[in-house]
Amino acid sequence: MSDTKNAKELRDLSVADLNERMNELAAENMKLRFQKATMQLNNTARVGQVRREIARIKTILAQRS
């Protein structure tokens, strides 16, 4: 779950795969936000990585529609 993909790799995925990946990242984002709030988050950079990957997926989905 912690592997980030660049835009080229994401463009190779189908719409269903992109939606599934976005759901996984949204769940991870929520988990990271709770860890941050309870001061248990070790890798603070991961929050930004997840947000950027969600944005990449949303951009690719918008381009396809």
C-alpha atoms as a PDB file:
ATOM      1  CA  MET A   1       0.000   0.000   0.000  1.00  0.00           C
ATOM      2  CA  SER A   2       2.903   2.371   0.581  1.00  0.00           C
ATOM      3  CA  ASP A   3       4.192   2.284  -2.995  1.00  0.00           C
ATOM      4  CA  THR A   4       3.591   5.482  -4.922  1.00  0.00           C
ATOM      5  CA  LYS A   5       3.064   5.416  -8.646  1.00  0.00           C
ATOM      6  CA  ASN A   6       3.937   8.119 -11.091  1.00  0.00           C
ATOM      7  CA  ALA A   7       1.449   9.482 -13.616  1.00  0.00           C
ATOM      8  CA  LYS A   8       2.748   7.273 -16.447  1.00  0.00           C
ATOM      9  CA  GLU A   9       2.160   4.094 -14.448  1.00  0.00           C
ATOM     10  CA  LEU A  10      -1.297   5.298 -13.391  1.00  0.00           C
ATOM     11  CA  ARG A  11      -2.314   6.058 -16.995  1.00  0.00           C
ATOM     12  CA  ASP A  12      -1.702   2.389 -17.853  1.00  0.00           C
ATOM     13  CA  LEU A  13      -4.410   1.310 -15.377  1.00  0.00           C
ATOM     14  CA  SER A  14      -8.094   0.902 -16.223  1.00  0.00           C
ATOM     15  CA  VAL A  15     -10.785   3.175 -14.791  1.00  0.00           C
ATOM     16  CA  ALA A  16     -11.878   0.429 -12.390  1.00  0.00           C
ATOM     17  CA  ASP A  17      -8.306  -0.047 -11.186  1.00  0.00           C
ATOM     18  CA  LEU A  18      -7.905   3.705 -10.721  1.00  0.00           C
ATOM     19  CA  ASN A  19     -11.099   3.904  -8.677  1.00  0.00           C
ATOM     20  CA  GLU A  20      -9.972   0.968  -6.539  1.00  0.00           C
ATOM     21  CA  ARG A  21      -6.552   2.563  -5.985  1.00  0.00           C
ATOM     22  CA  MET A  22      -8.173   5.877  -5.063  1.00  0.00           C
ATOM     23  CA  ASN A  23     -10.385   4.136  -2.483  1.00  0.00           C
ATOM     24  CA  GLU A  24      -7.328   2.444  -0.964  1.00  0.00           C
ATOM     25  CA  LEU A  25      -5.489   5.760  -0.792  1.00  0.00           C
ATOM     26  CA  ALA A  26      -8.484   7.519   0.744  1.00  0.00           C
ATOM     27  CA  ALA A  27      -8.575   4.900   3.500  1.00  0.00           C
ATOM     28  CA  GLU A  28      -4.836   5.251   4.048  1.00  0.00           C
ATOM     29  CA  ASN A  29      -5.202   9.036   4.130  1.00  0.00           C
ATOM     30  CA  MET A  30      -7.859   8.759   6.841  1.00  0.00           C
ATOM     31  CA  LYS A  31      -5.643   6.406   8.846  1.00  0.00           C
ATOM     32  CA  LEU A  32      -2.692   8.777   8.548  1.00  0.00           C
ATOM     33  CA  ARG A  33      -4.822  11.730   9.649  1.00  0.00           C
ATOM     34  CA  PHE A  34      -5.875   9.855  12.791  1.00  0.00           C
ATOM     35  CA  GLN A  35      -2.265   8.904  13.507  1.00  0.00           C
ATOM     36  CA  LYS A  36      -1.239  12.536  13.106  1.00  0.00           C
ATOM     37  CA  ALA A  37      -3.987  13.715  15.448  1.00  0.00           C
ATOM     38  CA  THR A  38      -2.967  11.212  18.133  1.00  0.00           C
ATOM     39  CA  MET A  39       0.764  12.006  17.709  1.00  0.00           C
ATOM     40  CA  GLN A  40       1.567   8.460  16.518  1.00  0.00           C
ATOM     41  CA  LEU A  41       2.620   9.350  12.958  1.00  0.00           C
ATOM     42  CA  ASN A  42       6.275   8.584  12.236  1.00  0.00           C
ATOM     43  CA  ASN A  43       6.518   9.384   8.516  1.00  0.00           C
ATOM     44  CA  THR A  44       4.862  12.775   8.112  1.00  0.00           C
ATOM     45  CA  ALA A  45       5.887  13.022   4.443  1.00  0.00           C
ATOM     46  CA  ARG A  46       3.582  10.113   3.617  1.00  0.00           C
ATOM     47  CA  VAL A  47       0.516  12.346   4.146  1.00  0.00           C
ATOM     48  CA  GLY A  48       1.611  14.575   1.274  1.00  0.00           C
ATOM     49  CA  GLN A  49       2.526  11.624  -0.936  1.00  0.00           C
ATOM     50  CA  VAL A  50      -0.928  10.111  -0.527  1.00  0.00           C
ATOM     51  CA  ARG A  51      -2.669  13.423  -1.233  1.00  0.00           C
ATOM     52  CA  ARG A  52      -0.614  13.984  -4.382  1.00  0.00           C
ATOM     53  CA  GLU A  53      -1.290  10.480  -5.689  1.00  0.00           C
ATOM     54  CA  ILE A  54      -5.041  10.939  -5.103  1.00  0.00           C
ATOM     55  CA  ALA A  55      -4.823  14.201  -7.055  1.00  0.00           C
ATOM     56  CA  ARG A  56      -2.978  12.441  -9.902  1.00  0.00           C
ATOM     57  CA  ILE A  57      -5.675   9.783 -10.116  1.00  0.00           C
ATOM     58  CA  LYS A  58      -8.470  12.373 -10.102  1.00  0.00           C
ATOM     59  CA  THR A  59      -6.713  14.285 -12.883  1.00  0.00           C
ATOM     60  CA  ILE A  60      -6.333  11.171 -15.039  1.00  0.00           C
ATOM     61  CA  LEU A  61      -9.994  10.229 -14.491  1.00  0.00           C
ATOM     62  CA  ALA A  62     -11.085  13.747 -15.447  1.00  0.00           C
ATOM     63  CA  GLN A  63      -8.973  13.612 -18.604  1.00  0.00           C
ATOM     64  CA  ARG A  64     -10.633  10.354 -19.646  1.00  0.00           C
ATOM     65  CA  SER A  65     -14.177  11.620 -19.224  1.00  0.00           C
END
